[in-house]
Amino acid sequence: MRSVSRRALLRGGALGVAAVTVTGCAAEERVPPAAAPPDPETLLLRELIAGKERTVALYASAASARLEPFRQRHEAHLAELRRRLPPTPPAPAATPAPTPSPSGSTTQGGSPSVRTLRDLERRAAALRTRQIEGVSPPLAQLLASIGACEAAHAVALSRSL
């Protein structure tokens, strides 16, 4: 058995460390950095904004002066939701496909019926209670307020049927 000098051992160790260091650097260059997962509240805000945009468009297509206050309140909700989006948005999230309107839900000419708008408001108000779970207190408060407004809209629209 051959004995190894201290110098040879140190020289071999240094070469091994250099090889590991070079290999480690090369491996780091090839592996892309892991993207941070999107913020759940930001994704929820984007979903809410998309839904409010569809609601505002439905009310606008109704073209009824008595429905104008409803549209205006939804536009106020939309503005507040947009205000809460972070300044540097993450990659756009997939927005849910618009819910097809049931047959017979529009009046002649393609505008939505009051019944369609009422049902939309009821579904939206019911959804808010589930969306509040796990969000920050300020967003939960906003969602609760929006849900209460939508529930009031559903009641008001029921009276006009």
N, C-alpha and C. Protein backbone atom coordinates (compact mmCIF):
# COMPACT_ATOMS: atom_id res chain seq x y z
N MET A 1 0.82 -1.16 0.00
CA MET A 1 0.00 0.00 0.00
C MET A 1 0.87 1.23 0.00
N ARG A 2 0.49 2.16 -0.83
CA ARG A 2 1.28 3.37 -1.02
C ARG A 2 0.77 4.46 -0.10
N SER A 3 1.67 5.18 0.53
CA SER A 3 1.22 6.26 1.40
C SER A 3 1.12 7.54 0.58
N VAL A 4 0.17 8.34 0.94
CA VAL A 4 -0.09 9.58 0.22
C VAL A 4 0.43 10.73 1.07
N SER A 5 1.19 11.62 0.42
CA SER A 5 1.72 12.75 1.17
C SER A 5 0.62 13.74 1.48
N ARG A 6 0.90 14.53 2.47
CA ARG A 6 -0.07 15.55 2.86
C ARG A 6 -0.33 16.53 1.73
N ARG A 7 0.69 16.91 1.00
CA ARG A 7 0.53 17.84 -0.13
C ARG A 7 -0.36 17.24 -1.21
N ALA A 8 -0.17 16.00 -1.51
CA ALA A 8 -0.97 15.34 -2.55
C ALA A 8 -2.44 15.26 -2.13
N LEU A 9 -2.64 14.99 -0.87
CA LEU A 9 -4.00 14.91 -0.35
C LEU A 9 -4.70 16.26 -0.43
N LEU A 10 -3.99 17.32 -0.03
CA LEU A 10 -4.57 18.66 -0.09
C LEU A 10 -4.81 19.10 -1.53
N ARG A 11 -3.84 18.80 -2.41
CA ARG A 11 -3.99 19.16 -3.81
C ARG A 11 -5.19 18.42 -4.41
N GLY A 12 -5.35 17.15 -4.13
CA GLY A 12 -6.48 16.38 -4.62
C GLY A 12 -7.79 16.89 -4.05
N GLY A 13 -7.80 17.27 -2.79
CA GLY A 13 -9.00 17.81 -2.15
C GLY A 13 -9.40 19.13 -2.78
N ALA A 14 -8.40 19.97 -3.07
CA ALA A 14 -8.70 21.27 -3.68
C ALA A 14 -9.27 21.09 -5.07
N LEU A 15 -8.73 20.13 -5.82
CA LEU A 15 -9.25 19.87 -7.17
C LEU A 15 -10.69 19.35 -7.08
N GLY A 16 -10.95 18.50 -6.10
CA GLY A 16 -12.30 17.96 -5.92
C GLY A 16 -13.30 19.06 -5.57
N VAL A 17 -12.87 19.97 -4.68
CA VAL A 17 -13.74 21.08 -4.30
C VAL A 17 -14.00 21.98 -5.50
N ALA A 18 -12.96 22.25 -6.30
CA ALA A 18 -13.13 23.07 -7.49
C ALA A 18 -14.08 22.41 -8.47
N ALA A 19 -13.96 21.11 -8.63
CA ALA A 19 -14.85 20.40 -9.56
C ALA A 19 -16.29 20.47 -9.07
N VAL A 20 -16.49 20.29 -7.77
CA VAL A 20 -17.83 20.36 -7.22
C VAL A 20 -18.38 21.77 -7.38
N THR A 21 -17.54 22.77 -7.14
CA THR A 21 -17.97 24.16 -7.26
C THR A 21 -18.37 24.49 -8.69
N VAL A 22 -17.56 24.07 -9.65
CA VAL A 22 -17.87 24.32 -11.06
C VAL A 22 -19.14 23.59 -11.45
N THR A 23 -19.25 22.34 -11.02
CA THR A 23 -20.44 21.57 -11.34
C THR A 23 -21.67 22.22 -10.72
N GLY A 24 -21.56 22.67 -9.49
CA GLY A 24 -22.67 23.33 -8.82
C GLY A 24 -23.09 24.60 -9.54
N CYS A 25 -22.13 25.39 -10.01
CA CYS A 25 -22.45 26.63 -10.73
C CYS A 25 -23.14 26.31 -12.04
N ALA A 26 -22.62 25.29 -12.74
CA ALA A 26 -23.22 24.94 -14.02
C ALA A 26 -24.64 24.45 -13.82
N ALA A 27 -24.85 23.69 -12.76
CA ALA A 27 -26.20 23.18 -12.52
C ALA A 27 -27.16 24.32 -12.19
N GLU A 28 -26.66 25.32 -11.47
CA GLU A 28 -27.52 26.45 -11.13
C GLU A 28 -27.95 27.22 -12.37
N GLU A 29 -27.08 27.29 -13.34
CA GLU A 29 -27.40 28.04 -14.56
C GLU A 29 -28.48 27.34 -15.37
N ARG A 30 -28.48 26.01 -15.35
CA ARG A 30 -29.43 25.27 -16.16
C ARG A 30 -30.82 25.21 -15.54
N VAL A 31 -30.93 25.28 -14.24
CA VAL A 31 -32.21 25.13 -13.57
C VAL A 31 -32.85 26.52 -13.44
N PRO A 32 -34.01 26.72 -14.05
CA PRO A 32 -34.67 28.04 -13.92
C PRO A 32 -35.16 28.23 -12.49
N PRO A 33 -35.15 29.45 -12.01
CA PRO A 33 -35.62 29.68 -10.65
C PRO A 33 -37.11 29.36 -10.55
N ALA A 34 -37.47 28.82 -9.42
CA ALA A 34 -38.88 28.46 -9.20
C ALA A 34 -39.71 29.74 -9.09
N ALA A 35 -40.79 29.78 -9.84
CA ALA A 35 -41.67 30.95 -9.81
C ALA A 35 -42.49 30.89 -8.52
N ALA A 36 -42.66 32.04 -7.92
CA ALA A 36 -43.48 32.11 -6.71
C ALA A 36 -44.93 31.84 -7.08
N PRO A 37 -45.62 31.07 -6.26
CA PRO A 37 -47.02 30.81 -6.58
C PRO A 37 -47.82 32.11 -6.53
N PRO A 38 -48.81 32.24 -7.39
CA PRO A 38 -49.60 33.47 -7.40
C PRO A 38 -50.34 33.66 -6.08
N ASP A 39 -50.47 34.90 -5.69
CA ASP A 39 -51.17 35.24 -4.45
C ASP A 39 -52.65 34.89 -4.60
N PRO A 40 -53.20 34.08 -3.69
CA PRO A 40 -54.62 33.69 -3.81
C PRO A 40 -55.58 34.88 -3.80
N GLU A 41 -55.28 35.92 -3.03
CA GLU A 41 -56.17 37.08 -3.00
C GLU A 41 -56.15 37.82 -4.33
N THR A 42 -54.98 37.89 -4.96
CA THR A 42 -54.89 38.54 -6.26
C THR A 42 -55.68 37.75 -7.30
N LEU A 43 -55.57 36.44 -7.25
CA LEU A 43 -56.35 35.60 -8.17
C LEU A 43 -57.85 35.80 -7.94
N LEU A 44 -58.25 35.86 -6.67
CA LEU A 44 -59.66 36.08 -6.35
C LEU A 44 -60.12 37.45 -6.85
N LEU A 45 -59.28 38.47 -6.65
CA LEU A 45 -59.64 39.81 -7.14
C LEU A 45 -59.84 39.80 -8.64
N ARG A 46 -58.97 39.13 -9.36
CA ARG A 46 -59.11 39.06 -10.83
C ARG A 46 -60.41 38.36 -11.23
N GLU A 47 -60.74 37.29 -10.51
CA GLU A 47 -62.00 36.57 -10.78
C GLU A 47 -63.20 37.47 -10.49
N LEU A 48 -63.15 38.18 -9.37
CA LEU A 48 -64.24 39.08 -9.00
C LEU A 48 -64.40 40.21 -10.02
N ILE A 49 -63.29 40.75 -10.47
CA ILE A 49 -63.32 41.84 -11.46
C ILE A 49 -63.94 41.35 -12.76
N ALA A 50 -63.54 40.17 -13.20
CA ALA A 50 -64.11 39.62 -14.44
C ALA A 50 -65.62 39.43 -14.29
N GLY A 51 -66.06 38.93 -13.15
CA GLY A 51 -67.49 38.74 -12.92
C GLY A 51 -68.24 40.06 -12.88
N LYS A 52 -67.66 41.06 -12.22
CA LYS A 52 -68.31 42.38 -12.14
C LYS A 52 -68.37 43.03 -13.53
N GLU A 53 -67.34 42.84 -14.33
CA GLU A 53 -67.37 43.40 -15.69
C GLU A 53 -68.52 42.79 -16.49
N ARG A 54 -68.74 41.48 -16.34
CA ARG A 54 -69.85 40.83 -17.04
C ARG A 54 -71.20 41.36 -16.52
N THR A 55 -71.28 41.56 -15.20
CA THR A 55 -72.53 42.07 -14.61
C THR A 55 -72.83 43.48 -15.10
N VAL A 56 -71.81 44.34 -15.11
CA VAL A 56 -72.00 45.71 -15.59
C VAL A 56 -72.44 45.68 -17.05
N ALA A 57 -71.83 44.81 -17.85
CA ALA A 57 -72.21 44.71 -19.27
C ALA A 57 -73.67 44.26 -19.42
N LEU A 58 -74.10 43.32 -18.57
CA LEU A 58 -75.51 42.88 -18.63
C LEU A 58 -76.46 44.02 -18.30
N TYR A 59 -76.16 44.76 -17.25
CA TYR A 59 -77.02 45.89 -16.88
C TYR A 59 -77.01 46.96 -17.97
N ALA A 60 -75.85 47.18 -18.57
CA ALA A 60 -75.76 48.18 -19.64
C ALA A 60 -76.60 47.74 -20.84
N SER A 61 -76.61 46.44 -21.12
CA SER A 61 -77.39 45.96 -22.26
C SER A 61 -78.89 45.98 -21.98
N ALA A 62 -79.27 46.05 -20.71
CA ALA A 62 -80.69 46.12 -20.37
C ALA A 62 -81.29 47.45 -20.81
N ALA A 63 -80.50 48.48 -20.81
CA ALA A 63 -80.91 49.81 -21.29
C ALA A 63 -82.24 50.26 -20.70
N SER A 64 -82.35 50.11 -19.40
CA SER A 64 -83.56 50.56 -18.71
C SER A 64 -83.14 51.60 -17.68
N ALA A 65 -83.80 52.74 -17.68
CA ALA A 65 -83.47 53.82 -16.75
C ALA A 65 -83.65 53.38 -15.30
N ARG A 66 -84.61 52.52 -15.04
CA ARG A 66 -84.82 52.10 -13.64
C ARG A 66 -83.74 51.14 -13.16
N LEU A 67 -82.98 50.53 -14.09
CA LEU A 67 -81.88 49.63 -13.71
C LEU A 67 -80.54 50.37 -13.62
N GLU A 68 -80.51 51.62 -14.00
CA GLU A 68 -79.28 52.41 -13.98
C GLU A 68 -78.62 52.46 -12.60
N PRO A 69 -79.36 52.67 -11.51
CA PRO A 69 -78.72 52.68 -10.19
C PRO A 69 -78.02 51.35 -9.84
N PHE A 70 -78.58 50.24 -10.30
CA PHE A 70 -77.97 48.94 -10.06
C PHE A 70 -76.61 48.87 -10.77
N ARG A 71 -76.61 49.28 -12.04
CA ARG A 71 -75.37 49.27 -12.82
C ARG A 71 -74.32 50.16 -12.17
N GLN A 72 -74.73 51.34 -11.71
CA GLN A 72 -73.80 52.27 -11.08
C GLN A 72 -73.17 51.68 -9.82
N ARG A 73 -73.96 50.97 -9.03
CA ARG A 73 -73.40 50.35 -7.82
C ARG A 73 -72.40 49.26 -8.19
N HIS A 74 -72.70 48.50 -9.24
CA HIS A 74 -71.75 47.47 -9.68
C HIS A 74 -70.46 48.12 -10.22
N GLU A 75 -70.59 49.24 -10.88
CA GLU A 75 -69.39 49.94 -11.34
C GLU A 75 -68.56 50.44 -10.17
N ALA A 76 -69.21 50.88 -9.09
CA ALA A 76 -68.48 51.30 -7.89
C ALA A 76 -67.75 50.11 -7.26
N HIS A 77 -68.41 48.94 -7.23
CA HIS A 77 -67.75 47.73 -6.73
C HIS A 77 -66.53 47.41 -7.59
N LEU A 78 -66.72 47.48 -8.89
CA LEU A 78 -65.65 47.19 -9.83
C LEU A 78 -64.45 48.12 -9.61
N ALA A 79 -64.71 49.39 -9.43
CA ALA A 79 -63.62 50.35 -9.21
C ALA A 79 -62.86 50.02 -7.92
N GLU A 80 -63.58 49.66 -6.87
CA GLU A 80 -62.92 49.33 -5.59
C GLU A 80 -62.12 48.04 -5.71
N LEU A 81 -62.64 47.05 -6.41
CA LEU A 81 -61.89 45.81 -6.60
C LEU A 81 -60.62 46.06 -7.40
N ARG A 82 -60.73 46.85 -8.45
CA ARG A 82 -59.54 47.19 -9.25
C ARG A 82 -58.51 47.95 -8.43
N ARG A 83 -58.97 48.82 -7.55
CA ARG A 83 -58.06 49.60 -6.72
C ARG A 83 -57.23 48.70 -5.81
N ARG A 84 -57.74 47.56 -5.44
CA ARG A 84 -57.06 46.66 -4.52
C ARG A 84 -56.08 45.71 -5.20
N LEU A 85 -56.05 45.71 -6.53
CA LEU A 85 -55.07 44.87 -7.22
C LEU A 85 -53.67 45.41 -6.96
N PRO A 86 -52.69 44.51 -6.78
CA PRO A 86 -51.31 44.99 -6.59
C PRO A 86 -50.82 45.70 -7.85
N PRO A 87 -49.89 46.65 -7.70
CA PRO A 87 -49.42 47.42 -8.85
C PRO A 87 -48.70 46.58 -9.90
N THR A 88 -48.01 45.52 -9.49
CA THR A 88 -47.36 44.65 -10.45
C THR A 88 -48.09 43.31 -10.45
N PRO A 89 -49.04 43.15 -11.36
CA PRO A 89 -49.85 41.93 -11.37
C PRO A 89 -49.03 40.71 -11.77
N PRO A 90 -49.31 39.55 -11.16
CA PRO A 90 -48.68 38.31 -11.60
C PRO A 90 -49.23 37.89 -12.95
N ALA A 91 -48.75 36.78 -13.43
CA ALA A 91 -49.23 36.28 -14.72
C ALA A 91 -50.75 36.19 -14.68
N PRO A 92 -51.42 36.57 -15.77
CA PRO A 92 -52.89 36.56 -15.76
C PRO A 92 -53.44 35.17 -15.46
N ALA A 93 -54.43 35.15 -14.62
CA ALA A 93 -55.09 33.90 -14.25
C ALA A 93 -56.18 33.60 -15.26
N ALA A 94 -56.46 32.35 -15.38
CA ALA A 94 -57.55 31.96 -16.27
C ALA A 94 -58.86 32.41 -15.63
N THR A 95 -59.64 33.14 -16.37
CA THR A 95 -60.92 33.58 -15.84
C THR A 95 -61.97 32.55 -16.20
N PRO A 96 -62.90 32.33 -15.30
CA PRO A 96 -63.94 31.34 -15.60
C PRO A 96 -64.77 31.77 -16.80
N ALA A 97 -65.20 30.78 -17.53
CA ALA A 97 -66.03 31.08 -18.71
C ALA A 97 -67.35 31.66 -18.27
N PRO A 98 -67.87 32.60 -19.04
CA PRO A 98 -69.16 33.18 -18.67
C PRO A 98 -70.23 32.09 -18.60
N THR A 99 -71.07 32.23 -17.62
CA THR A 99 -72.16 31.27 -17.46
C THR A 99 -73.19 31.51 -18.54
N PRO A 100 -73.53 30.47 -19.29
CA PRO A 100 -74.54 30.67 -20.33
C PRO A 100 -75.88 31.00 -19.69
N SER A 101 -76.58 31.92 -20.31
CA SER A 101 -77.88 32.29 -19.75
C SER A 101 -78.90 31.24 -20.16
N PRO A 102 -79.78 30.89 -19.22
CA PRO A 102 -80.79 29.89 -19.54
C PRO A 102 -81.72 30.39 -20.63
N SER A 103 -82.30 29.44 -21.36
CA SER A 103 -83.19 29.84 -22.45
C SER A 103 -84.37 30.62 -21.91
N GLY A 104 -84.78 31.60 -22.66
CA GLY A 104 -85.92 32.40 -22.25
C GLY A 104 -85.55 33.45 -21.21
N SER A 105 -84.25 33.68 -21.00
CA SER A 105 -83.86 34.61 -19.95
C SER A 105 -83.67 36.03 -20.45
N THR A 106 -83.81 36.23 -21.72
CA THR A 106 -83.67 37.58 -22.25
C THR A 106 -84.98 38.00 -22.90
N THR A 107 -85.16 39.28 -22.95
CA THR A 107 -86.34 39.80 -23.63
C THR A 107 -86.04 39.87 -25.11
N GLN A 108 -87.03 40.18 -25.90
CA GLN A 108 -86.78 40.33 -27.33
C GLN A 108 -85.81 41.47 -27.53
N GLY A 109 -84.89 41.29 -28.46
CA GLY A 109 -83.87 42.30 -28.70
C GLY A 109 -82.57 41.95 -28.01
N GLY A 110 -82.54 40.87 -27.19
CA GLY A 110 -81.30 40.40 -26.61
C GLY A 110 -80.93 40.99 -25.26
N SER A 111 -81.74 41.89 -24.71
CA SER A 111 -81.38 42.42 -23.39
C SER A 111 -81.84 41.44 -22.31
N PRO A 112 -81.13 41.40 -21.18
CA PRO A 112 -81.49 40.43 -20.14
C PRO A 112 -82.81 40.80 -19.47
N SER A 113 -83.53 39.79 -19.06
CA SER A 113 -84.80 40.04 -18.35
C SER A 113 -84.48 40.41 -16.90
N VAL A 114 -85.44 40.99 -16.23
CA VAL A 114 -85.30 41.34 -14.81
C VAL A 114 -85.09 40.06 -14.01
N ARG A 115 -85.76 39.00 -14.39
CA ARG A 115 -85.60 37.71 -13.71
C ARG A 115 -84.15 37.22 -13.83
N THR A 116 -83.55 37.35 -15.00
CA THR A 116 -82.15 36.94 -15.19
C THR A 116 -81.23 37.75 -14.28
N LEU A 117 -81.47 39.05 -14.22
CA LEU A 117 -80.64 39.92 -13.38
C LEU A 117 -80.83 39.57 -11.90
N ARG A 118 -82.06 39.29 -11.50
CA ARG A 118 -82.34 38.91 -10.12
C ARG A 118 -81.60 37.63 -9.76
N ASP A 119 -81.68 36.63 -10.63
CA ASP A 119 -81.00 35.36 -10.38
C ASP A 119 -79.49 35.54 -10.33
N LEU A 120 -78.97 36.38 -11.19
CA LEU A 120 -77.54 36.69 -11.19
C LEU A 120 -77.13 37.30 -9.84
N GLU A 121 -77.93 38.23 -9.35
CA GLU A 121 -77.65 38.89 -8.07
C GLU A 121 -77.71 37.88 -6.91
N ARG A 122 -78.68 36.99 -6.94
CA ARG A 122 -78.81 35.98 -5.89
C ARG A 122 -77.60 35.05 -5.86
N ARG A 123 -77.20 34.57 -7.04
CA ARG A 123 -76.04 33.68 -7.11
C ARG A 123 -74.77 34.39 -6.64
N ALA A 124 -74.61 35.63 -7.05
CA ALA A 124 -73.41 36.38 -6.66
C ALA A 124 -73.38 36.60 -5.15
N ALA A 125 -74.50 36.98 -4.56
CA ALA A 125 -74.56 37.21 -3.11
C ALA A 125 -74.24 35.92 -2.34
N ALA A 126 -74.76 34.80 -2.81
CA ALA A 126 -74.49 33.53 -2.15
C ALA A 126 -73.02 33.14 -2.27
N LEU A 127 -72.40 33.47 -3.38
CA LEU A 127 -70.99 33.14 -3.60
C LEU A 127 -70.07 33.93 -2.68
N ARG A 128 -70.43 35.13 -2.32
CA ARG A 128 -69.56 35.99 -1.49
C ARG A 128 -69.25 35.35 -0.15
N THR A 129 -70.22 34.66 0.45
CA THR A 129 -69.96 34.06 1.77
C THR A 129 -68.87 33.00 1.70
N ARG A 130 -68.78 32.30 0.60
CA ARG A 130 -67.71 31.29 0.43
C ARG A 130 -66.39 31.96 0.11
N GLN A 131 -66.41 33.08 -0.59
CA GLN A 131 -65.17 33.76 -0.99
C GLN A 131 -64.50 34.46 0.19
N ILE A 132 -65.23 34.74 1.23
CA ILE A 132 -64.67 35.44 2.40
C ILE A 132 -63.69 34.55 3.16
N GLU A 133 -63.91 33.25 3.12
CA GLU A 133 -63.06 32.33 3.87
C GLU A 133 -61.60 32.47 3.50
N GLY A 134 -60.78 32.72 4.51
CA GLY A 134 -59.33 32.73 4.32
C GLY A 134 -58.74 33.98 3.70
N VAL A 135 -59.52 35.01 3.48
CA VAL A 135 -58.95 36.24 2.93
C VAL A 135 -58.66 37.22 4.05
N SER A 136 -57.93 38.26 3.74
CA SER A 136 -57.58 39.27 4.74
C SER A 136 -58.85 39.97 5.23
N PRO A 137 -58.83 40.47 6.46
CA PRO A 137 -60.01 41.16 6.98
C PRO A 137 -60.51 42.31 6.10
N PRO A 138 -59.63 43.17 5.54
CA PRO A 138 -60.17 44.24 4.69
C PRO A 138 -60.89 43.71 3.45
N LEU A 139 -60.35 42.67 2.83
CA LEU A 139 -61.01 42.11 1.64
C LEU A 139 -62.30 41.41 2.05
N ALA A 140 -62.29 40.72 3.19
CA ALA A 140 -63.51 40.06 3.67
C ALA A 140 -64.61 41.09 3.91
N GLN A 141 -64.24 42.23 4.47
CA GLN A 141 -65.24 43.28 4.72
C GLN A 141 -65.81 43.81 3.40
N LEU A 142 -64.94 44.02 2.42
CA LEU A 142 -65.41 44.49 1.12
C LEU A 142 -66.35 43.47 0.48
N LEU A 143 -65.95 42.19 0.51
CA LEU A 143 -66.78 41.14 -0.10
C LEU A 143 -68.13 41.03 0.61
N ALA A 144 -68.13 41.18 1.93
CA ALA A 144 -69.39 41.13 2.67
C ALA A 144 -70.29 42.30 2.26
N SER A 145 -69.70 43.47 2.10
CA SER A 145 -70.48 44.65 1.69
C SER A 145 -71.04 44.48 0.29
N ILE A 146 -70.20 43.96 -0.61
CA ILE A 146 -70.67 43.73 -1.98
C ILE A 146 -71.79 42.69 -1.98
N GLY A 147 -71.61 41.61 -1.22
CA GLY A 147 -72.64 40.57 -1.13
C GLY A 147 -73.95 41.10 -0.58
N ALA A 148 -73.87 41.98 0.42
CA ALA A 148 -75.09 42.57 0.98
C ALA A 148 -75.79 43.43 -0.06
N CYS A 149 -75.02 44.17 -0.84
CA CYS A 149 -75.60 45.00 -1.89
C CYS A 149 -76.27 44.12 -2.96
N GLU A 150 -75.60 43.03 -3.32
CA GLU A 150 -76.17 42.13 -4.32
C GLU A 150 -77.45 41.47 -3.80
N ALA A 151 -77.47 41.12 -2.52
CA ALA A 151 -78.69 40.54 -1.94
C ALA A 151 -79.83 41.56 -1.95
N ALA A 152 -79.51 42.81 -1.65
CA ALA A 152 -80.53 43.87 -1.71
C ALA A 152 -81.03 44.06 -3.14
N HIS A 153 -80.12 43.95 -4.11
CA HIS A 153 -80.52 44.05 -5.51
C HIS A 153 -81.51 42.94 -5.85
N ALA A 154 -81.21 41.71 -5.39
CA ALA A 154 -82.08 40.57 -5.70
C ALA A 154 -83.47 40.80 -5.14
N VAL A 155 -83.56 41.34 -3.93
CA VAL A 155 -84.87 41.62 -3.31
C VAL A 155 -85.59 42.71 -4.11
N ALA A 156 -84.88 43.77 -4.43
CA ALA A 156 -85.50 44.87 -5.18
C ALA A 156 -85.97 44.42 -6.55
N LEU A 157 -85.18 43.58 -7.19
CA LEU A 157 -85.57 43.10 -8.53
C LEU A 157 -86.75 42.13 -8.42
N SER A 158 -86.86 41.38 -7.32
CA SER A 158 -88.00 40.49 -7.11
C SER A 158 -89.30 41.26 -7.02
N ARG A 159 -89.22 42.42 -6.41
CA ARG A 159 -90.41 43.25 -6.25
C ARG A 159 -90.91 43.82 -7.56
N SER A 160 -89.98 43.95 -8.50
CA SER A 160 -90.37 44.56 -9.78
C SER A 160 -90.85 43.53 -10.80
N LEU A 161 -90.89 42.28 -10.42
CA LEU A 161 -91.33 41.23 -11.36
C LEU A 161 -92.83 41.23 -11.54
